[in-house]
C-alpha atoms as a PDB file:
ATOM      1  CA  MET A   1       4.729 -13.160  15.109  1.00  0.00           C
ATOM      2  CA  ASP A   2       3.438 -16.489  14.056  1.00  0.00           C
ATOM      3  CA  ARG A   3       0.137 -15.327  12.639  1.00  0.00           C
ATOM      4  CA  LEU A   4      -0.966 -12.009  11.555  1.00  0.00           C
ATOM      5  CA  THR A   5      -4.331 -10.053  11.113  1.00  0.00           C
ATOM      6  CA  LEU A   6      -4.233  -7.258   8.652  1.00  0.00           C
ATOM      7  CA  ALA A   7      -6.799  -4.349   8.180  1.00  0.00           C
ATOM      8  CA  LEU A   8      -7.020  -2.797   4.692  1.00  0.00           C
ATOM      9  CA  TRP A   9      -9.024   0.529   4.430  1.00  0.00           C
ATOM     10  CA  ALA A  10     -10.250   0.941   1.027  1.00  0.00           C
ATOM     11  CA  VAL A  11     -10.911   4.923   1.373  1.00  0.00           C
ATOM     12  CA  ASN A  12     -14.193   6.216  -0.252  1.00  0.00           C
ATOM     13  CA  MET A  13     -12.736   9.337  -1.959  1.00  0.00           C
ATOM     14  CA  ALA A  14     -16.390  10.627  -2.429  1.00  0.00           C
ATOM     15  CA  ASP A  15     -16.572  11.220   1.246  1.00  0.00           C
ATOM     16  CA  ALA A  16     -15.254  14.490   1.518  1.00  0.00           C
ATOM     17  CA  PRO A  17     -14.052  15.413   5.037  1.00  0.00           C
ATOM     18  CA  ALA A  18     -15.270  18.447   6.657  1.00  0.00           C
ATOM     19  CA  SER A  19     -11.830  19.238   7.602  1.00  0.00           C
ATOM     20  CA  LEU A  20      -8.313  18.021   8.445  1.00  0.00           C
ATOM     21  CA  GLU A  21      -9.481  17.432  11.887  1.00  0.00           C
ATOM     22  CA  ALA A  22     -12.079  15.269  10.648  1.00  0.00           C
ATOM     23  CA  VAL A  23      -9.546  13.202   8.800  1.00  0.00           C
ATOM     24  CA  ALA A  24      -7.501  12.402  11.777  1.00  0.00           C
ATOM     25  CA  ALA A  25     -10.796  11.330  13.563  1.00  0.00           C
ATOM     26  CA  ARG A  26     -11.488   9.045  10.826  1.00  0.00           C
ATOM     27  CA  VAL A  27      -8.300   7.317  10.846  1.00  0.00           C
ATOM     28  CA  GLU A  28      -8.234   6.876  14.624  1.00  0.00           C
ATOM     29  CA  ALA A  29     -11.822   5.418  14.345  1.00  0.00           C
ATOM     30  CA  LYS A  30     -10.311   2.868  11.921  1.00  0.00           C
ATOM     31  CA  LEU A  31      -7.539   2.078  14.034  1.00  0.00           C
ATOM     32  CA  ALA A  32      -9.813   1.521  16.783  1.00  0.00           C
ATOM     33  CA  GLU A  33     -11.939  -0.776  14.597  1.00  0.00           C
ATOM     34  CA  ALA A  34      -8.680  -2.679  13.477  1.00  0.00           C
ATOM     35  CA  ALA A  35      -7.572  -2.784  17.371  1.00  0.00           C
ATOM     36  CA  ALA A  36     -10.797  -4.622  18.099  1.00  0.00           C
ATOM     37  CA  ALA A  37     -10.437  -7.090  15.218  1.00  0.00           C
ATOM     38  CA  ASP A  38      -7.044  -7.831  16.622  1.00  0.00           C
ATOM     39  CA  ALA A  39      -5.361  -6.593  13.566  1.00  0.00           C
ATOM     40  CA  ALA A  40      -1.538  -5.816  13.924  1.00  0.00           C
ATOM     41  CA  ILE A  41      -1.337  -3.512  10.860  1.00  0.00           C
ATOM     42  CA  LEU A  42      -3.782  -1.079   9.213  1.00  0.00           C
ATOM     43  CA  VAL A  43      -2.905  -0.132   5.763  1.00  0.00           C
ATOM     44  CA  LEU A  44      -4.427   2.938   3.712  1.00  0.00           C
ATOM     45  CA  PRO A  45      -4.349   3.600  -0.037  1.00  0.00           C
ATOM     46  CA  GLU A  46      -1.799   5.507  -2.212  1.00  0.00           C
ATOM     47  CA  LEU A  47      -2.418   9.205  -2.399  1.00  0.00           C
ATOM     48  CA  TRP A  48      -5.857   9.130  -0.523  1.00  0.00           C
ATOM     49  CA  CYS A  49      -5.149  12.652   0.227  1.00  0.00           C
ATOM     50  CA  GLU A  50      -6.760  13.639  -3.003  1.00  0.00           C
ATOM     51  CA  GLN A  51     -10.006  13.096  -0.804  1.00  0.00           C
ATOM     52  CA  TRP A  52      -9.173  16.347   0.956  1.00  0.00           C
ATOM     53  CA  LEU A  53      -8.762  18.419  -2.075  1.00  0.00           C
ATOM     54  CA  PRO A  54     -12.323  20.136  -1.583  1.00  0.00           C
ATOM     55  CA  LEU A  55     -10.677  21.639   1.478  1.00  0.00           C
ATOM     56  CA  ALA A  56      -8.099  23.411  -0.447  1.00  0.00           C
ATOM     57  CA  PRO A  57      -8.397  27.208  -1.678  1.00  0.00           C
ATOM     58  CA  PRO A  58     -10.889  27.241  -4.605  1.00  0.00           C
ATOM     59  CA  ASP A  59      -8.278  28.967  -7.085  1.00  0.00           C
ATOM     60  CA  LEU A  60      -5.607  26.434  -6.328  1.00  0.00           C
ATOM     61  CA  PRO A  61      -4.088  25.291  -9.687  1.00  0.00           C
ATOM     62  CA  GLU A  62      -3.542  21.665 -10.547  1.00  0.00           C
ATOM     63  CA  THR A  63       0.221  22.352 -10.472  1.00  0.00           C
ATOM     64  CA  GLY A  64      -0.237  23.442  -6.554  1.00  0.00           C
ATOM     65  CA  GLU A  65      -2.143  20.266  -5.533  1.00  0.00           C
ATOM     66  CA  ILE A  66       0.968  18.556  -4.522  1.00  0.00           C
ATOM     67  CA  ALA A  67       2.422  21.234  -2.290  1.00  0.00           C
ATOM     68  CA  TRP A  68      -0.912  21.832  -0.770  1.00  0.00           C
ATOM     69  CA  MET A  69      -1.553  18.044  -0.052  1.00  0.00           C
ATOM     70  CA  GLY A  70       1.938  17.719   1.256  1.00  0.00           C
ATOM     71  CA  ARG A  71       1.602  20.590   3.618  1.00  0.00           C
ATOM     72  CA  ALA A  72      -1.753  18.819   4.853  1.00  0.00           C
ATOM     73  CA  ALA A  73      -0.022  15.356   5.055  1.00  0.00           C
ATOM     74  CA  ALA A  74       2.731  16.706   7.226  1.00  0.00           C
ATOM     75  CA  TRP A  75       0.148  18.273   9.688  1.00  0.00           C
ATOM     76  CA  LEU A  76      -1.859  14.993   9.699  1.00  0.00           C
ATOM     77  CA  LEU A  77       1.226  12.663  10.442  1.00  0.00           C
ATOM     78  CA  GLU A  78       1.943  14.816  13.400  1.00  0.00           C
ATOM     79  CA  ARG A  79      -1.571  14.088  14.643  1.00  0.00           C
ATOM     80  CA  LEU A  80      -1.529  10.376  13.826  1.00  0.00           C
ATOM     81  CA  ALA A  81       2.190   9.873  15.413  1.00  0.00           C
ATOM     82  CA  PRO A  82       0.795   8.813  18.767  1.00  0.00           C
ATOM     83  CA  LEU A  83      -2.078   6.632  17.915  1.00  0.00           C
ATOM     84  CA  PRO A  84      -0.330   3.459  16.905  1.00  0.00           C
ATOM     85  CA  ALA A  85       1.043   3.320  20.488  1.00  0.00           C
ATOM     86  CA  ARG A  86      -2.329   4.015  21.835  1.00  0.00           C
ATOM     87  CA  TYR A  87      -4.108   1.012  19.934  1.00  0.00           C
ATOM     88  CA  ASP A  88      -1.187  -1.196  19.596  1.00  0.00           C
ATOM     89  CA  VAL A  89      -1.732  -1.282  15.814  1.00  0.00           C
ATOM     90  CA  ALA A  90       0.992  -0.359  13.178  1.00  0.00           C
ATOM     91  CA  LEU A  91      -0.071   2.209  10.704  1.00  0.00           C
ATOM     92  CA  LEU A  92       0.897   2.301   7.172  1.00  0.00           C
ATOM     93  CA  ALA A  93      -0.705   5.773   6.432  1.00  0.00           C
ATOM     94  CA  GLY A  94      -1.098   5.050   2.624  1.00  0.00           C
ATOM     95  CA  SER A  95       1.227   7.227   0.309  1.00  0.00           C
ATOM     96  CA  LEU A  96       1.339  10.904   0.768  1.00  0.00           C
ATOM     97  CA  PRO A  97       3.353  13.656  -1.040  1.00  0.00           C
ATOM     98  CA  ALA A  98       6.638  14.734   0.747  1.00  0.00           C
ATOM     99  CA  GLU A  99       9.087  17.347  -0.326  1.00  0.00           C
ATOM    100  CA  THR A 100      12.755  16.528  -0.545  1.00  0.00           C
ATOM    101  CA  ASP A 101      15.836  18.409  -1.954  1.00  0.00           C
ATOM    102  CA  ALA A 102      15.225  16.898  -5.343  1.00  0.00           C
ATOM    103  CA  GLY A 103      11.543  17.569  -5.234  1.00  0.00           C
ATOM    104  CA  TRP A 104       8.215  16.015  -4.584  1.00  0.00           C
ATOM    105  CA  VAL A 105       8.019  12.368  -3.833  1.00  0.00           C
ATOM    106  CA  ASN A 106       4.997   9.940  -3.301  1.00  0.00           C
ATOM    107  CA  ARG A 107       6.050   8.431   0.165  1.00  0.00           C
ATOM    108  CA  ALA A 108       4.542   5.731   2.150  1.00  0.00           C
ATOM    109  CA  HIS A 109       4.646   6.127   5.991  1.00  0.00           C
ATOM    110  CA  LEU A 110       4.803   3.193   8.354  1.00  0.00           C
ATOM    111  CA  LEU A 111       3.955   4.330  11.788  1.00  0.00           C
ATOM    112  CA  LEU A 112       4.911   1.759  14.593  1.00  0.00           C
ATOM    113  CA  PRO A 113       3.548   1.503  17.893  1.00  0.00           C
ATOM    114  CA  GLU A 114       7.205   1.753  19.563  1.00  0.00           C
ATOM    115  CA  GLY A 115       7.295   5.183  17.897  1.00  0.00           C
ATOM    116  CA  ARG A 116       9.693   4.372  14.875  1.00  0.00           C
ATOM    117  CA  VAL A 117       8.498   5.525  11.382  1.00  0.00           C
ATOM    118  CA  ALA A 118       9.721   3.897   8.170  1.00  0.00           C
ATOM    119  CA  THR A 119       9.182   5.434   4.764  1.00  0.00           C
ATOM    120  CA  GLN A 120       9.130   4.382   1.446  1.00  0.00           C
ATOM    121  CA  ASP A 121       9.222   6.531  -1.816  1.00  0.00           C
ATOM    122  CA  LYS A 122       7.677   5.248  -4.870  1.00  0.00           C
ATOM    123  CA  LEU A 123      10.272   3.966  -7.171  1.00  0.00           C
ATOM    124  CA  CYS A 124       8.396   4.004 -10.672  1.00  0.00           C
ATOM    125  CA  LEU A 125       6.165   6.909 -11.364  1.00  0.00           C
ATOM    126  CA  THR A 126       3.020   7.130 -13.613  1.00  0.00           C
ATOM    127  CA  PRO A 127       2.944   9.551 -16.357  1.00  0.00           C
ATOM    128  CA  SER A 128       0.598  11.637 -14.565  1.00  0.00           C
ATOM    129  CA  GLU A 129       2.938  11.871 -11.569  1.00  0.00           C
ATOM    130  CA  ARG A 130       5.752  12.956 -13.860  1.00  0.00           C
ATOM    131  CA  ASP A 131       3.494  15.441 -15.815  1.00  0.00           C
ATOM    132  CA  PRO A 132       5.381  19.183 -15.653  1.00  0.00           C
ATOM    133  CA  GLU A 133       1.924  20.502 -16.162  1.00  0.00           C
ATOM    134  CA  ALA A 134       0.319  18.985 -13.078  1.00  0.00           C
ATOM    135  CA  TRP A 135       2.330  17.105 -10.215  1.00  0.00           C
ATOM    136  CA  THR A 136       5.861  16.841 -11.408  1.00  0.00           C
ATOM    137  CA  MET A 137       7.134  14.144  -8.773  1.00  0.00           C
ATOM    138  CA  VAL A 138      10.448  12.538  -8.683  1.00  0.00           C
ATOM    139  CA  PRO A 139      11.061   8.826  -8.004  1.00  0.00           C
ATOM    140  CA  GLY A 140      12.553   7.376  -5.095  1.00  0.00           C
ATOM    141  CA  ASP A 141      15.861   5.442  -5.623  1.00  0.00           C
ATOM    142  CA  THR A 142      15.857   3.183  -2.475  1.00  0.00           C
ATOM    143  CA  LEU A 143      14.012   0.171  -1.283  1.00  0.00           C
ATOM    144  CA  ARG A 144      13.693   0.088   2.419  1.00  0.00           C
ATOM    145  CA  ILE A 145      13.137  -3.384   4.308  1.00  0.00           C
ATOM    146  CA  VAL A 146      11.727  -2.920   7.740  1.00  0.00           C
ATOM    147  CA  THR A 147      11.959  -5.468  10.594  1.00  0.00           C
ATOM    148  CA  TRP A 148       9.322  -5.412  13.048  1.00  0.00           C
ATOM    149  CA  ARG A 149       8.311  -7.891  15.813  1.00  0.00           C
ATOM    150  CA  GLY A 150       9.966 -10.876  13.784  1.00  0.00           C
ATOM    151  CA  LEU A 151       8.438  -9.682  10.391  1.00  0.00           C
ATOM    152  CA  ARG A 152      10.450  -8.584   7.405  1.00  0.00           C
ATOM    153  CA  LEU A 153       8.351  -6.455   5.248  1.00  0.00           C
ATOM    154  CA  ALA A 154       8.735  -3.938   2.314  1.00  0.00           C
ATOM    155  CA  MET A 155       6.159  -1.385   0.928  1.00  0.00           C
ATOM    156  CA  PRO A 156       6.399  -1.041  -2.843  1.00  0.00           C
ATOM    157  CA  ILE A 157       3.570   1.564  -3.892  1.00  0.00           C
ATOM    158  CA  CYS A 158       1.056   0.638  -6.926  1.00  0.00           C
ATOM    159  CA  LEU A 159       2.982   0.803 -10.287  1.00  0.00           C
ATOM    160  CA  ASP A 160       6.290  -0.467  -8.338  1.00  0.00           C
ATOM    161  CA  ILE A 161       4.564  -3.995  -7.787  1.00  0.00           C
ATOM    162  CA  GLU A 162       4.213  -4.334 -11.611  1.00  0.00           C
ATOM    163  CA  GLN A 163       7.950  -4.259 -12.320  1.00  0.00           C
ATOM    164  CA  PRO A 164       9.624  -7.523 -13.047  1.00  0.00           C
ATOM    165  CA  ALA A 165      13.075  -5.740 -12.268  1.00  0.00           C
ATOM    166  CA  LEU A 166      12.042  -4.901  -8.821  1.00  0.00           C
ATOM    167  CA  ALA A 167      10.678  -8.394  -8.371  1.00  0.00           C
ATOM    168  CA  ALA A 168      14.062  -9.671  -8.978  1.00  0.00           C
ATOM    169  CA  VAL A 169      15.393  -7.169  -6.483  1.00  0.00           C
ATOM    170  CA  LEU A 170      13.040  -8.377  -3.920  1.00  0.00           C
ATOM    171  CA  GLN A 171      13.264 -12.137  -4.365  1.00  0.00           C
ATOM    172  CA  PRO A 172      16.578 -12.731  -2.044  1.00  0.00           C
ATOM    173  CA  LEU A 173      15.503 -10.595   0.689  1.00  0.00           C
ATOM    174  CA  ASP A 174      13.649 -13.285   2.683  1.00  0.00           C
ATOM    175  CA  LEU A 175      10.450 -11.089   3.013  1.00  0.00           C
ATOM    176  CA  ASP A 176       7.347 -12.087   5.147  1.00  0.00           C
ATOM    177  CA  LEU A 177       5.022  -9.530   4.087  1.00  0.00           C
ATOM    178  CA  VAL A 178       4.823  -6.966   1.142  1.00  0.00           C
ATOM    179  CA  LEU A 179       2.176  -4.077   1.696  1.00  0.00           C
ATOM    180  CA  VAL A 180       1.025  -2.262  -1.684  1.00  0.00           C
ATOM    181  CA  PRO A 181      -0.870   0.931  -1.270  1.00  0.00           C
ATOM    182  CA  SER A 182      -2.299   1.630  -4.650  1.00  0.00           C
ATOM    183  CA  MET A 183      -4.927   4.105  -6.518  1.00  0.00           C
ATOM    184  CA  THR A 184      -6.273   2.918  -9.942  1.00  0.00           C
ATOM    185  CA  ALA A 185      -9.008   4.869 -12.106  1.00  0.00           C
ATOM    186  CA  GLN A 186     -10.189   1.655 -13.972  1.00  0.00           C
ATOM    187  CA  ALA A 187     -10.567  -1.789 -13.321  1.00  0.00           C
ATOM    188  CA  SER A 188      -7.916  -2.582 -15.632  1.00  0.00           C
ATOM    189  CA  GLY A 189      -5.315  -0.734 -13.279  1.00  0.00           C
ATOM    190  CA  GLN A 190      -6.550  -2.664 -10.377  1.00  0.00           C
ATOM    191  CA  ALA A 191      -6.330  -6.015 -12.290  1.00  0.00           C
ATOM    192  CA  ARG A 192      -2.731  -5.081 -13.025  1.00  0.00           C
ATOM    193  CA  VAL A 193      -1.864  -4.521  -9.427  1.00  0.00           C
ATOM    194  CA  THR A 194      -3.773  -7.274  -8.065  1.00  0.00           C
ATOM    195  CA  SER A 195      -2.323  -9.887 -10.781  1.00  0.00           C
ATOM    196  CA  CYS A 196       1.315  -8.663 -10.172  1.00  0.00           C
ATOM    197  CA  ALA A 197       0.772  -8.643  -6.264  1.00  0.00           C
ATOM    198  CA  LYS A 198      -0.429 -12.424  -6.581  1.00  0.00           C
ATOM    199  CA  ALA A 199       2.506 -13.245  -8.801  1.00  0.00           C
ATOM    200  CA  ARG A 200       4.914 -11.547  -6.279  1.00  0.00           C
ATOM    201  CA  ALA A 201       3.249 -13.791  -3.665  1.00  0.00           C
ATOM    202  CA  VAL A 202       4.268 -16.834  -5.656  1.00  0.00           C
ATOM    203  CA  GLU A 203       7.732 -15.606  -6.636  1.00  0.00           C
ATOM    204  CA  LEU A 204       8.760 -14.438  -2.890  1.00  0.00           C
ATOM    205  CA  LEU A 205       6.768 -17.190  -1.353  1.00  0.00           C
ATOM    206  CA  ALA A 206       5.414 -14.323   1.036  1.00  0.00           C
ATOM    207  CA  THR A 207       2.180 -12.645   1.826  1.00  0.00           C
ATOM    208  CA  VAL A 208       1.301  -9.705  -0.532  1.00  0.00           C
ATOM    209  CA  ALA A 209      -1.372  -7.347   0.327  1.00  0.00           C
ATOM    210  CA  THR A 210      -2.991  -4.352  -1.843  1.00  0.00           C
ATOM    211  CA  VAL A 211      -5.489  -1.753  -0.862  1.00  0.00           C
ATOM    212  CA  GLY A 212      -6.953   0.856  -3.479  1.00  0.00           C
ATOM    213  CA  CYS A 213      -9.119   3.840  -3.310  1.00  0.00           C
ATOM    214  CA  ILE A 214     -12.811   3.746  -4.350  1.00  0.00           C
ATOM    215  CA  GLY A 215     -15.186   6.535  -5.466  1.00  0.00           C
ATOM    216  CA  SER A 216     -14.686   9.727  -7.356  1.00  0.00           C
ATOM    217  CA  THR A 217     -13.189  12.743  -5.401  1.00  0.00           C
ATOM    218  CA  ALA A 218     -15.749  15.488  -4.689  1.00  0.00           C
ATOM    219  CA  LEU A 219     -14.337  17.880  -7.276  1.00  0.00           C
ATOM    220  CA  SER A 220     -15.942  19.398 -10.339  1.00  0.00           C
ATOM    221  CA  ALA A 221     -13.810  17.480 -12.970  1.00  0.00           C
ATOM    222  CA  PRO A 222     -14.399  13.588 -11.726  1.00  0.00           C
ATOM    223  CA  ARG A 223     -11.372  11.787 -10.666  1.00  0.00           C
ATOM    224  CA  PRO A 224     -12.879   7.995 -10.498  1.00  0.00           C
ATOM    225  CA  ASN A 225     -11.135   5.409  -8.562  1.00  0.00           C
ATOM    226  CA  VAL A 226     -11.772   1.551  -8.757  1.00  0.00           C
ATOM    227  CA  GLY A 227     -10.154  -0.368  -6.121  1.00  0.00           C
ATOM    228  CA  GLY A 228     -10.608  -2.556  -2.964  1.00  0.00           C
ATOM    229  CA  ALA A 229      -8.418  -4.872  -1.044  1.00  0.00           C
ATOM    230  CA  ALA A 230      -6.634  -8.077  -1.631  1.00  0.00           C
ATOM    231  CA  VAL A 231      -4.342 -10.482   0.247  1.00  0.00           C
ATOM    232  CA  TYR A 232      -2.211 -13.205  -1.481  1.00  0.00           C
ATOM    233  CA  LEU A 233      -0.387 -16.135  -0.243  1.00  0.00           C
ATOM    234  CA  PRO A 234       1.965 -18.665  -2.066  1.00  0.00           C
ATOM    235  CA  CYS A 235       0.097 -21.081  -4.266  1.00  0.00           C
ATOM    236  CA  GLU A 236       1.067 -24.132  -1.818  1.00  0.00           C
ATOM    237  CA  PRO A 237      -1.097 -27.086  -0.899  1.00  0.00           C
ATOM    238  CA  ALA A 238      -0.692 -26.556   2.710  1.00  0.00           C
ATOM    239  CA  LEU A 239      -2.008 -23.132   2.099  1.00  0.00           C
ATOM    240  CA  GLY A 240      -5.136 -24.096   0.233  1.00  0.00           C
ATOM    241  CA  HIS A 241      -3.691 -24.198  -3.465  1.00  0.00           C
ATOM    242  CA  THR A 242      -5.079 -21.162  -4.718  1.00  0.00           C
ATOM    243  CA  GLY A 243      -3.134 -18.218  -3.166  1.00  0.00           C
ATOM    244  CA  VAL A 244      -6.140 -16.301  -2.608  1.00  0.00           C
ATOM    245  CA  ALA A 245      -6.742 -15.298   1.138  1.00  0.00           C
ATOM    246  CA  VAL A 246      -9.166 -12.148   0.725  1.00  0.00           C
ATOM    247  CA  GLU A 247     -10.347 -10.574  -2.524  1.00  0.00           C
ATOM    248  CA  ALA A 248     -12.856  -7.569  -2.190  1.00  0.00           C
ATOM    249  CA  LEU A 249     -12.219  -5.863  -5.445  1.00  0.00           C
ATOM    250  CA  TRP A 250     -13.666  -3.904  -8.122  1.00  0.00           C
ATOM    251  CA  ALA A 251     -15.634  -1.360  -5.898  1.00  0.00           C
ATOM    252  CA  ALA A 252     -16.225   1.780  -7.893  1.00  0.00           C
ATOM    253  CA  ARG A 253     -18.185   3.374  -5.116  1.00  0.00           C
ATOM    254  CA  ALA A 254     -19.322   3.027  -1.594  1.00  0.00           C
ATOM    255  CA  ASP A 255     -21.260   4.792   1.211  1.00  0.00           C
ATOM    256  CA  GLY A 256     -19.431   6.565   4.168  1.00  0.00           C
ATOM    257  CA  PRO A 257     -15.663   6.435   4.529  1.00  0.00           C
ATOM    258  CA  GLY A 258     -15.172   2.944   2.791  1.00  0.00           C
ATOM    259  CA  PRO A 259     -14.983  -0.404   3.941  1.00  0.00           C
ATOM    260  CA  LEU A 260     -12.326  -2.099   6.368  1.00  0.00           C
ATOM    261  CA  VAL A 261     -11.525  -5.367   4.835  1.00  0.00           C
ATOM    262  CA  LEU A 262      -9.879  -7.831   7.307  1.00  0.00           C
ATOM    263  CA  ALA A 263      -7.601 -10.558   6.443  1.00  0.00           C
ATOM    264  CA  ARG A 264      -7.467 -12.783   9.597  1.00  0.00           C
ATOM    265  CA  ASP A 265      -4.833 -15.083  10.913  1.00  0.00           C
ATOM    266  CA  LEU A 266      -2.301 -15.019   7.799  1.00  0.00           C
ATOM    267  CA  PRO A 267      -0.007 -18.090   8.583  1.00  0.00           C
ATOM    268  CA  ILE A 268       3.217 -15.895   8.491  1.00  0.00           C
ATOM    269  CA  ALA A 269       5.225 -18.730  10.307  1.00  0.00           C
ATOM    270  CA  ALA A 270       4.017 -21.533   8.398  1.00  0.00           C
ATOM    271  CA  ILE A 271       4.835 -19.723   5.011  1.00  0.00           C
ATOM    272  CA  ARG A 272       8.370 -18.727   6.315  1.00  0.00           C
ATOM    273  CA  ALA A 273       8.865 -22.421   7.032  1.00  0.00           C
ATOM    274  CA  LEU A 274       7.868 -23.197   3.443  1.00  0.00           C
ATOM    275  CA  ARG A 275      10.114 -20.544   2.054  1.00  0.00           C
ATOM    276  CA  HIS A 276      12.891 -22.023   4.072  1.00  0.00           C
ATOM    277  CA  GLY A 277      12.925 -25.348   2.506  1.00  0.00           C
ATOM    278  CA  ALA A 278       9.474 -27.016   2.797  1.00  0.00           C
ATOM    279  CA  ALA A 279       7.704 -25.637  -0.293  1.00  0.00           C
ATOM    280  CA  GLU A 280       6.253 -27.920  -3.146  1.00  0.00           C
ATOM    281  CA  VAL A 281       8.690 -26.832  -5.945  1.00  0.00           C
ATOM    282  CA  TRP A 282      10.243 -23.338  -5.088  1.00  0.00           C
ATOM    283  CA  PRO A 283      13.963 -23.456  -5.731  1.00  0.00           C
ATOM    284  CA  GLY A 284      14.596 -20.423  -3.454  1.00  0.00           C
ATOM    285  CA  PRO A 285      16.019 -17.256  -4.651  1.00  0.00           C
ATOM    286  CA  TRP A 286      16.905 -17.988  -8.254  1.00  0.00           C
ATOM    287  CA  SER A 287      18.936 -16.082 -10.616  1.00  0.00           C
ATOM    288  CA  ALA A 288      18.871 -16.406 -14.275  1.00  0.00           C
ATOM    289  CA  ALA A 289      22.516 -15.156 -14.579  1.00  0.00           C
ATOM    290  CA  HIS A 290      23.365 -18.513 -16.207  1.00  0.00           C
ATOM    291  CA  VAL A 291      20.561 -18.191 -18.867  1.00  0.00           C
ATOM    292  CA  ARG A 292      21.862 -17.335 -22.565  1.00  0.00           C
ATOM    293  CA  VAL A 293      19.523 -15.841 -24.925  1.00  0.00           C
ATOM    294  CA  ASP A 294      19.627 -17.472 -28.318  1.00  0.00           C
ATOM    295  CA  GLY A 295      18.189 -15.839 -31.451  1.00  0.00           C
ATOM    296  CA  ARG A 296      18.348 -12.178 -30.719  1.00  0.00           C
END
């Protein structure tokens, strides 16, 4: 795959669905829209399943939200499974709760048109995700690399992309694409995710895309989201210097299901060539193992 078009759906959390069947229909409509734009992958945000909480039992305690959303997510993933083949568009269905022997994880699901499903559990959890009086999730311990149609890609989730230690793990992996589903309540959180995503594009000499939720979930206690979508490239002269392919950010609200942001004709093969020796100054995967700290 020499060039790639991405479709990034900034889900509007305020647009509560009438049913889980309506959720599946919305995703299919966005897949059809992505296919019409010749997109190869449709990416949804982190934990966008909070949008469905108005469908949950009215007396559901906060500690029961993860289990309810996890059951709903399992139902939805079954309904979505045949759609990537129908539209020939891979679907990164954001991240959703999944139950494991260790507990509930925040798991990204990549459904490929060939029928394969690749998953990634969030590695670095936020305080609210670890809160024993709320969701009590557990972190993942494995970084999965997916090879598909000549691409090598990874799917770190939100706070994962902000961790320098993970960036060091990613650097030698020869990645073409990093997809980052996110959910941030304020512009500060979105700024952290996007700033670090751009840094990873420079450090990895790869394309990095992020998409987050917008709007407030339709519950009695507001749960705001400030998000949008962005795609970053390495800051190279051949790529336009700035490293910005698309930025549609800082949206706090929207009408309808939320915008589908397209990043067209991303030059994957050209970036790979830069990474393999043609970059301006990039030294390749670089280790600081030889660096000594003086004055500690």
